[in-house]
C-alpha atoms as a PDB file:
ATOM      1  CA  MET A   1      23.669  17.276  18.027  1.00  0.00           C
ATOM      2  CA  GLY A   2      23.042  16.170  21.582  1.00  0.00           C
ATOM      3  CA  SER A   3      19.591  15.907  23.090  1.00  0.00           C
ATOM      4  CA  ALA A   4      18.223  15.392  26.569  1.00  0.00           C
ATOM      5  CA  SER A   5      16.772  12.002  27.446  1.00  0.00           C
ATOM      6  CA  PRO A   6      12.977  11.776  27.680  1.00  0.00           C
ATOM      7  CA  SER A   7      11.486  12.269  31.134  1.00  0.00           C
ATOM      8  CA  TYR A   8      10.446   9.085  32.925  1.00  0.00           C
ATOM      9  CA  LYS A   9       9.106  10.819  35.990  1.00  0.00           C
ATOM     10  CA  GLY A  10       6.171   8.962  37.521  1.00  0.00           C
ATOM     11  CA  HIS A  11       6.985   5.610  35.878  1.00  0.00           C
ATOM     12  CA  ARG A  12       7.611   2.788  38.323  1.00  0.00           C
ATOM     13  CA  TYR A  13       9.386   0.563  35.801  1.00  0.00           C
ATOM     14  CA  PRO A  14      13.123   1.065  35.167  1.00  0.00           C
ATOM     15  CA  VAL A  15      14.078   3.078  32.133  1.00  0.00           C
ATOM     16  CA  GLU A  16      15.743   0.105  30.457  1.00  0.00           C
ATOM     17  CA  VAL A  17      12.522  -1.929  30.645  1.00  0.00           C
ATOM     18  CA  ILE A  18      10.502   0.842  29.015  1.00  0.00           C
ATOM     19  CA  SER A  19      13.011   1.493  26.233  1.00  0.00           C
ATOM     20  CA  HIS A  20      13.449  -2.234  25.584  1.00  0.00           C
ATOM     21  CA  CYS A  21       9.705  -2.756  25.158  1.00  0.00           C
ATOM     22  CA  VAL A  22       9.481   0.195  22.768  1.00  0.00           C
ATOM     23  CA  TRP A  23      12.467  -1.135  20.825  1.00  0.00           C
ATOM     24  CA  LEU A  24      10.928  -4.589  20.521  1.00  0.00           C
ATOM     25  CA  TYR A  25       7.623  -3.247  19.251  1.00  0.00           C
ATOM     26  CA  PHE A  26       9.014  -0.882  16.631  1.00  0.00           C
ATOM     27  CA  ARG A  27      11.968  -2.997  15.542  1.00  0.00           C
ATOM     28  CA  PHE A  28      10.159  -6.300  14.969  1.00  0.00           C
ATOM     29  CA  PRO A  29       6.693  -7.188  13.621  1.00  0.00           C
ATOM     30  CA  LEU A  30       5.309  -7.878  17.100  1.00  0.00           C
ATOM     31  CA  SER A  31       1.980  -7.133  18.713  1.00  0.00           C
ATOM     32  CA  PHE A  32       1.727  -5.554  22.157  1.00  0.00           C
ATOM     33  CA  ARG A  33       0.701  -8.921  23.571  1.00  0.00           C
ATOM     34  CA  GLU A  34       3.766 -10.589  22.047  1.00  0.00           C
ATOM     35  CA  VAL A  35       6.008  -7.968  23.634  1.00  0.00           C
ATOM     36  CA  GLU A  36       4.280  -8.709  26.942  1.00  0.00           C
ATOM     37  CA  GLU A  37       5.055 -12.413  26.477  1.00  0.00           C
ATOM     38  CA  LEU A  38       8.717 -11.792  25.624  1.00  0.00           C
ATOM     39  CA  MET A  39       9.135  -9.644  28.708  1.00  0.00           C
ATOM     40  CA  LEU A  40       7.464 -12.306  30.866  1.00  0.00           C
ATOM     41  CA  GLN A  41      10.025 -14.815  29.587  1.00  0.00           C
ATOM     42  CA  ARG A  42      12.680 -12.500  31.021  1.00  0.00           C
ATOM     43  CA  GLY A  43      10.898 -12.313  34.364  1.00  0.00           C
ATOM     44  CA  VAL A  44       9.361  -8.863  33.836  1.00  0.00           C
ATOM     45  CA  ILE A  45       5.602  -8.671  34.402  1.00  0.00           C
ATOM     46  CA  VAL A  46       4.120  -5.852  32.342  1.00  0.00           C
ATOM     47  CA  SER A  47       0.700  -5.710  30.651  1.00  0.00           C
ATOM     48  CA  TYR A  48       0.284  -5.176  26.931  1.00  0.00           C
ATOM     49  CA  GLU A  49      -1.755  -2.039  27.666  1.00  0.00           C
ATOM     50  CA  THR A  50       1.219  -0.589  29.509  1.00  0.00           C
ATOM     51  CA  VAL A  51       3.429  -1.422  26.532  1.00  0.00           C
ATOM     52  CA  ARG A  52       0.911   0.350  24.303  1.00  0.00           C
ATOM     53  CA  ARG A  53       1.047   3.491  26.440  1.00  0.00           C
ATOM     54  CA  TRP A  54       4.853   3.461  26.482  1.00  0.00           C
ATOM     55  CA  CYS A  55       4.999   3.189  22.698  1.00  0.00           C
ATOM     56  CA  ALA A  56       2.530   6.046  22.296  1.00  0.00           C
ATOM     57  CA  LYS A  57       4.390   8.267  24.759  1.00  0.00           C
ATOM     58  CA  PHE A  58       8.023   7.526  23.929  1.00  0.00           C
ATOM     59  CA  GLY A  59       8.022   6.193  20.360  1.00  0.00           C
ATOM     60  CA  GLN A  60       8.068   9.538  18.583  1.00  0.00           C
ATOM     61  CA  ALA A  61      10.421  11.060  21.162  1.00  0.00           C
ATOM     62  CA  TYR A  62      12.948   8.286  20.553  1.00  0.00           C
ATOM     63  CA  ALA A  63      12.577   8.649  16.776  1.00  0.00           C
ATOM     64  CA  ASN A  64      13.121  12.405  17.016  1.00  0.00           C
ATOM     65  CA  GLY A  65      16.236  11.870  19.088  1.00  0.00           C
ATOM     66  CA  LEU A  66      17.660   9.481  16.499  1.00  0.00           C
ATOM     67  CA  GLN A  67      16.772  11.913  13.720  1.00  0.00           C
ATOM     68  CA  ARG A  68      18.756  14.678  15.393  1.00  0.00           C
ATOM     69  CA  ARG A  69      21.811  12.436  15.533  1.00  0.00           C
ATOM     70  CA  ARG A  70      21.802  11.690  11.808  1.00  0.00           C
ATOM     71  CA  PRO A  71      24.026  13.601   9.388  1.00  0.00           C
ATOM     72  CA  ARG A  72      22.466  16.083   7.006  1.00  0.00           C
ATOM     73  CA  PRO A  73      20.643  14.366   4.148  1.00  0.00           C
ATOM     74  CA  GLY A  74      22.356  13.912   0.810  1.00  0.00           C
ATOM     75  CA  ASP A  75      21.550  16.205  -2.070  1.00  0.00           C
ATOM     76  CA  THR A  76      19.633  13.572  -4.072  1.00  0.00           C
ATOM     77  CA  TRP A  77      16.169  12.721  -2.794  1.00  0.00           C
ATOM     78  CA  HIS A  78      14.017   9.812  -3.936  1.00  0.00           C
ATOM     79  CA  LEU A  79      10.261  10.220  -3.547  1.00  0.00           C
ATOM     80  CA  ASP A  80       7.547   7.649  -3.955  1.00  0.00           C
ATOM     81  CA  GLU A  81       3.964   6.997  -2.944  1.00  0.00           C
ATOM     82  CA  VAL A  82       2.086   3.742  -2.352  1.00  0.00           C
ATOM     83  CA  PHE A  83      -1.517   3.049  -1.496  1.00  0.00           C
ATOM     84  CA  ILE A  84      -2.541   1.728   1.899  1.00  0.00           C
ATOM     85  CA  ARG A  85      -5.990   0.733   3.102  1.00  0.00           C
ATOM     86  CA  ILE A  86      -7.127   2.310   6.339  1.00  0.00           C
ATOM     87  CA  ASP A  87     -10.415   1.070   7.724  1.00  0.00           C
ATOM     88  CA  GLY A  88     -11.322  -0.081   4.225  1.00  0.00           C
ATOM     89  CA  GLU A  89     -10.571   3.261   2.560  1.00  0.00           C
ATOM     90  CA  LEU A  90      -7.793   3.872   0.050  1.00  0.00           C
ATOM     91  CA  LYS A  91      -5.096   6.303   1.240  1.00  0.00           C
ATOM     92  CA  TYR A  92      -1.606   7.122   0.009  1.00  0.00           C
ATOM     93  CA  LEU A  93       1.654   6.919   1.912  1.00  0.00           C
ATOM     94  CA  TRP A  94       4.229   9.394   0.598  1.00  0.00           C
ATOM     95  CA  ARG A  95       7.863   8.725   1.442  1.00  0.00           C
ATOM     96  CA  ALA A  96      11.191  10.433   0.767  1.00  0.00           C
ATOM     97  CA  VAL A  97      14.661   8.953   1.226  1.00  0.00           C
ATOM     98  CA  ASP A  98      18.113  10.258   0.374  1.00  0.00           C
ATOM     99  CA  ALA A  99      20.706   8.497  -1.770  1.00  0.00           C
ATOM    100  CA  GLY A 100      21.904   6.538   1.265  1.00  0.00           C
ATOM    101  CA  GLY A 101      18.428   5.149   1.890  1.00  0.00           C
ATOM    102  CA  ASN A 102      17.877   7.265   5.016  1.00  0.00           C
ATOM    103  CA  ILE A 103      14.211   8.098   5.463  1.00  0.00           C
ATOM    104  CA  LEU A 104      13.632  11.849   5.351  1.00  0.00           C
ATOM    105  CA  ASP A 105       9.888  11.942   5.965  1.00  0.00           C
ATOM    106  CA  ILE A 106       6.605  10.091   5.476  1.00  0.00           C
ATOM    107  CA  LEU A 107       3.102  11.489   5.099  1.00  0.00           C
ATOM    108  CA  VAL A 108      -0.299   9.801   4.887  1.00  0.00           C
ATOM    109  CA  GLN A 109      -2.660  11.645   2.528  1.00  0.00           C
ATOM    110  CA  ASN A 110      -6.040  11.064   0.926  1.00  0.00           C
ATOM    111  CA  ARG A 111      -4.884  11.800  -2.624  1.00  0.00           C
ATOM    112  CA  ARG A 112      -1.858  11.778  -4.876  1.00  0.00           C
ATOM    113  CA  ASP A 113      -2.654  14.881  -6.912  1.00  0.00           C
ATOM    114  CA  LYS A 114      -0.719  18.124  -7.348  1.00  0.00           C
ATOM    115  CA  ALA A 115      -1.924  19.557  -4.029  1.00  0.00           C
ATOM    116  CA  ALA A 116      -0.797  16.426  -2.176  1.00  0.00           C
ATOM    117  CA  ALA A 117       2.626  16.465  -3.870  1.00  0.00           C
ATOM    118  CA  ARG A 118       3.012  20.190  -3.139  1.00  0.00           C
ATOM    119  CA  ARG A 119       2.131  19.643   0.514  1.00  0.00           C
ATOM    120  CA  PHE A 120       4.672  16.852   0.793  1.00  0.00           C
ATOM    121  CA  PHE A 121       7.428  18.912  -0.891  1.00  0.00           C
ATOM    122  CA  ARG A 122       6.918  21.834   1.465  1.00  0.00           C
ATOM    123  CA  ARG A 123       6.716  19.643   4.542  1.00  0.00           C
ATOM    124  CA  LEU A 124       9.859  17.808   3.478  1.00  0.00           C
ATOM    125  CA  MET A 125      11.926  20.969   3.015  1.00  0.00           C
ATOM    126  CA  LYS A 126      10.681  22.393   6.300  1.00  0.00           C
ATOM    127  CA  LYS A 127      11.518  19.232   8.225  1.00  0.00           C
ATOM    128  CA  THR A 128      14.995  18.769   6.738  1.00  0.00           C
ATOM    129  CA  GLY A 129      15.845  22.467   6.525  1.00  0.00           C
ATOM    130  CA  ALA A 130      17.423  21.747   3.155  1.00  0.00           C
ATOM    131  CA  VAL A 131      16.764  21.888  -0.580  1.00  0.00           C
ATOM    132  CA  PRO A 132      18.043  18.992  -2.697  1.00  0.00           C
ATOM    133  CA  ARG A 133      20.083  19.236  -5.863  1.00  0.00           C
ATOM    134  CA  VAL A 134      18.094  16.456  -7.529  1.00  0.00           C
ATOM    135  CA  ILE A 135      14.760  14.785  -6.848  1.00  0.00           C
ATOM    136  CA  VAL A 136      13.998  11.383  -8.350  1.00  0.00           C
ATOM    137  CA  THR A 137      10.397  10.247  -8.756  1.00  0.00           C
ATOM    138  CA  ASP A 138       8.297   7.922 -10.819  1.00  0.00           C
ATOM    139  CA  LYS A 139       6.293   9.316 -13.721  1.00  0.00           C
ATOM    140  CA  LEU A 140       3.301  10.484 -11.697  1.00  0.00           C
ATOM    141  CA  ARG A 141       2.429  13.875 -13.203  1.00  0.00           C
ATOM    142  CA  SER A 142       1.648  15.378  -9.823  1.00  0.00           C
ATOM    143  CA  TYR A 143       5.361  15.435  -9.022  1.00  0.00           C
ATOM    144  CA  GLY A 144       6.225  17.485 -12.081  1.00  0.00           C
ATOM    145  CA  ALA A 145       3.440  20.010 -11.477  1.00  0.00           C
ATOM    146  CA  ALA A 146       4.357  20.478  -7.811  1.00  0.00           C
ATOM    147  CA  HIS A 147       8.078  20.586  -8.624  1.00  0.00           C
ATOM    148  CA  ARG A 148       7.645  23.471 -11.049  1.00  0.00           C
ATOM    149  CA  GLU A 149       5.753  25.419  -8.403  1.00  0.00           C
ATOM    150  CA  VAL A 150       7.677  24.649  -5.211  1.00  0.00           C
ATOM    151  CA  MET A 151      11.286  23.945  -6.244  1.00  0.00           C
ATOM    152  CA  PRO A 152      11.751  24.927  -9.910  1.00  0.00           C
ATOM    153  CA  SER A 153      15.552  25.277  -9.567  1.00  0.00           C
ATOM    154  CA  VAL A 154      15.941  21.644  -8.469  1.00  0.00           C
ATOM    155  CA  GLU A 155      16.676  19.043 -11.133  1.00  0.00           C
ATOM    156  CA  HIS A 156      13.814  16.576 -11.499  1.00  0.00           C
ATOM    157  CA  ARG A 157      14.386  13.082 -12.860  1.00  0.00           C
ATOM    158  CA  ALA A 158      11.189  11.147 -13.511  1.00  0.00           C
ATOM    159  CA  HIS A 159      11.853   7.518 -14.318  1.00  0.00           C
ATOM    160  CA  LYS A 160      10.383   4.341 -12.899  1.00  0.00           C
ATOM    161  CA  GLY A 161      13.684   2.446 -12.820  1.00  0.00           C
ATOM    162  CA  LEU A 162      15.596   5.198 -11.024  1.00  0.00           C
ATOM    163  CA  ASN A 163      13.395   5.180  -7.959  1.00  0.00           C
ATOM    164  CA  ASN A 164      14.122   1.777  -6.442  1.00  0.00           C
ATOM    165  CA  ARG A 165      15.514   3.267  -3.210  1.00  0.00           C
ATOM    166  CA  ALA A 166      12.198   4.858  -2.284  1.00  0.00           C
ATOM    167  CA  GLU A 167      10.195   1.847  -3.422  1.00  0.00           C
ATOM    168  CA  ASN A 168      12.355  -0.574  -1.425  1.00  0.00           C
ATOM    169  CA  SER A 169      12.021   1.556   1.699  1.00  0.00           C
ATOM    170  CA  HIS A 170       8.297   0.766   1.725  1.00  0.00           C
ATOM    171  CA  GLN A 171       8.938  -2.940   2.380  1.00  0.00           C
ATOM    172  CA  PRO A 172       9.317  -2.758   6.195  1.00  0.00           C
ATOM    173  CA  THR A 173       6.095  -0.743   6.327  1.00  0.00           C
ATOM    174  CA  ARG A 174       4.274  -3.400   4.329  1.00  0.00           C
ATOM    175  CA  GLN A 175       5.508  -6.065   6.748  1.00  0.00           C
ATOM    176  CA  ARG A 176       4.181  -4.125   9.730  1.00  0.00           C
ATOM    177  CA  GLU A 177       0.926  -3.350   7.970  1.00  0.00           C
ATOM    178  CA  ARG A 178       0.308  -7.066   7.486  1.00  0.00           C
ATOM    179  CA  ALA A 179       1.332  -7.918  11.053  1.00  0.00           C
ATOM    180  CA  MET A 180      -1.010  -5.238  12.441  1.00  0.00           C
ATOM    181  CA  LYS A 181      -3.814  -6.298  10.068  1.00  0.00           C
ATOM    182  CA  GLY A 182      -3.996  -2.759   8.734  1.00  0.00           C
ATOM    183  CA  PHE A 183      -4.358   0.651  10.357  1.00  0.00           C
ATOM    184  CA  ARG A 184      -7.539   1.873  12.024  1.00  0.00           C
ATOM    185  CA  SER A 185      -7.329   5.564  11.101  1.00  0.00           C
ATOM    186  CA  ALA A 186      -5.174   7.942   9.082  1.00  0.00           C
ATOM    187  CA  GLY A 187      -4.040   9.690  12.270  1.00  0.00           C
ATOM    188  CA  ALA A 188      -3.041   6.433  13.916  1.00  0.00           C
ATOM    189  CA  ALA A 189      -1.167   5.374  10.781  1.00  0.00           C
ATOM    190  CA  GLN A 190       0.694   8.699  10.627  1.00  0.00           C
ATOM    191  CA  ARG A 191       1.685   8.525  14.291  1.00  0.00           C
ATOM    192  CA  PHE A 192       2.857   4.939  14.117  1.00  0.00           C
ATOM    193  CA  LEU A 193       4.735   5.272  10.831  1.00  0.00           C
ATOM    194  CA  SER A 194       6.473   8.496  11.864  1.00  0.00           C
ATOM    195  CA  ALA A 195       7.965   6.743  14.896  1.00  0.00           C
ATOM    196  CA  PHE A 196       8.459   3.426  13.112  1.00  0.00           C
ATOM    197  CA  SER A 197      10.314   4.956  10.165  1.00  0.00           C
ATOM    198  CA  GLY A 198      12.661   6.825  12.469  1.00  0.00           C
ATOM    199  CA  MET A 199      13.543   3.814  14.590  1.00  0.00           C
ATOM    200  CA  SER A 200      13.362   0.981  12.087  1.00  0.00           C
ATOM    201  CA  SER A 201      15.848   2.540   9.678  1.00  0.00           C
ATOM    202  CA  HIS A 202      18.321   3.127  12.523  1.00  0.00           C
ATOM    203  CA  PHE A 203      18.515  -0.614  13.167  1.00  0.00           C
ATOM    204  CA  ARG A 204      18.568  -1.617   9.503  1.00  0.00           C
ATOM    205  CA  PRO A 205      22.035  -0.887   8.079  1.00  0.00           C
ATOM    206  CA  HIS A 206      22.753  -2.256   4.638  1.00  0.00           C
ATOM    207  CA  ARG A 207      23.523  -5.737   5.958  1.00  0.00           C
ATOM    208  CA  HIS A 208      24.030  -7.258   2.511  1.00  0.00           C
ATOM    209  CA  LEU A 209      26.897  -4.825   1.845  1.00  0.00           C
ATOM    210  CA  MET A 210      28.773  -5.572   5.078  1.00  0.00           C
ATOM    211  CA  SER A 211      30.882  -8.404   6.427  1.00  0.00           C
ATOM    212  CA  ALA A 212      29.738 -10.021   9.673  1.00  0.00           C
ATOM    213  CA  PRO A 213      32.412  -8.275  11.826  1.00  0.00           C
ATOM    214  CA  ASP A 214      31.632  -4.902  10.231  1.00  0.00           C
ATOM    215  CA  TYR A 215      27.918  -5.453  10.765  1.00  0.00           C
ATOM    216  CA  ARG A 216      28.393  -6.280  14.449  1.00  0.00           C
ATOM    217  CA  ALA A 217      30.638  -3.248  14.927  1.00  0.00           C
ATOM    218  CA  GLU A 218      28.088  -0.991  13.234  1.00  0.00           C
ATOM    219  CA  MET A 219      25.233  -2.361  15.320  1.00  0.00           C
ATOM    220  CA  THR A 220      27.266  -1.851  18.504  1.00  0.00           C
ATOM    221  CA  ILE A 221      27.586   1.811  17.583  1.00  0.00           C
ATOM    222  CA  ARG A 222      23.885   2.075  16.799  1.00  0.00           C
ATOM    223  CA  PHE A 223      22.881   0.477  20.096  1.00  0.00           C
ATOM    224  CA  ALA A 224      25.164   2.924  21.911  1.00  0.00           C
ATOM    225  CA  ILE A 225      23.363   5.799  20.168  1.00  0.00           C
ATOM    226  CA  TRP A 226      20.035   4.256  21.166  1.00  0.00           C
ATOM    227  CA  ASP A 227      21.158   4.068  24.806  1.00  0.00           C
ATOM    228  CA  HIS A 228      22.210   7.698  24.671  1.00  0.00           C
ATOM    229  CA  ILE A 229      18.874   8.768  23.195  1.00  0.00           C
ATOM    230  CA  THR A 230      16.691   6.752  25.571  1.00  0.00           C
ATOM    231  CA  GLY A 231      18.888   7.252  28.621  1.00  0.00           C
ATOM    232  CA  PRO A 232      18.729   3.709  30.085  1.00  0.00           C
ATOM    233  CA  ARG A 233      21.265   1.992  32.221  1.00  0.00           C
ATOM    234  CA  SER A 234      22.677  -1.344  31.104  1.00  0.00           C
ATOM    235  CA  TRP A 235      20.133  -4.144  30.561  1.00  0.00           C
ATOM    236  CA  PRO A 236      20.831  -7.136  32.831  1.00  0.00           C
ATOM    237  CA  THR A 237      22.051 -10.280  31.113  1.00  0.00           C
ATOM    238  CA  THR A 238      19.896 -12.537  33.279  1.00  0.00           C
ATOM    239  CA  ALA A 239      16.329 -12.142  34.419  1.00  0.00           C
END
């Protein structure tokens, strides 16, 4: 599905500079100041506060554009939840991926009880517009209770060892959490992770399953999709 490029009206910097800064921040464990330094090395003077505003304005829009370009999710969904500390308080990050490891949705919640699982199930089906054939979870009882209420016709497999896909998909988030020294609020965590999950997974094909030529070819395709979504011209090879 095609989508219009975000509007850059009123921005004095070229589109390719804005999209490149956003890509750097969400793709790698960098701070806004480190992005500022990398851009300075290329001869582009931009403040870290400007980078922050660009990420806040365009991050989710870029992630949404990439999401619309993805194929429909597979019929087997893997769900998992991990704790995160936000301003010293314990919260839970719920995540769903399909059998291919594509992230379907993430949600920060205060609890991991039946109500939280039910909320995540309903949000997930609404966002994807689909109902899976199978859901795979760990043995948290909240999943079973919510499953019987929300999607009783869907097969539910609860087994710790079957859910490695969802558990492994948390690793990039953990890396960013450490680099950012934690999140300041649940809202800020939700906003960042929604954009981060959409963009990070796009640039993380299963490298260990691909030869070097295949990997480069795949990344060329993915960068072309990124250029289409963000709408930039070509980035100059020299500063």
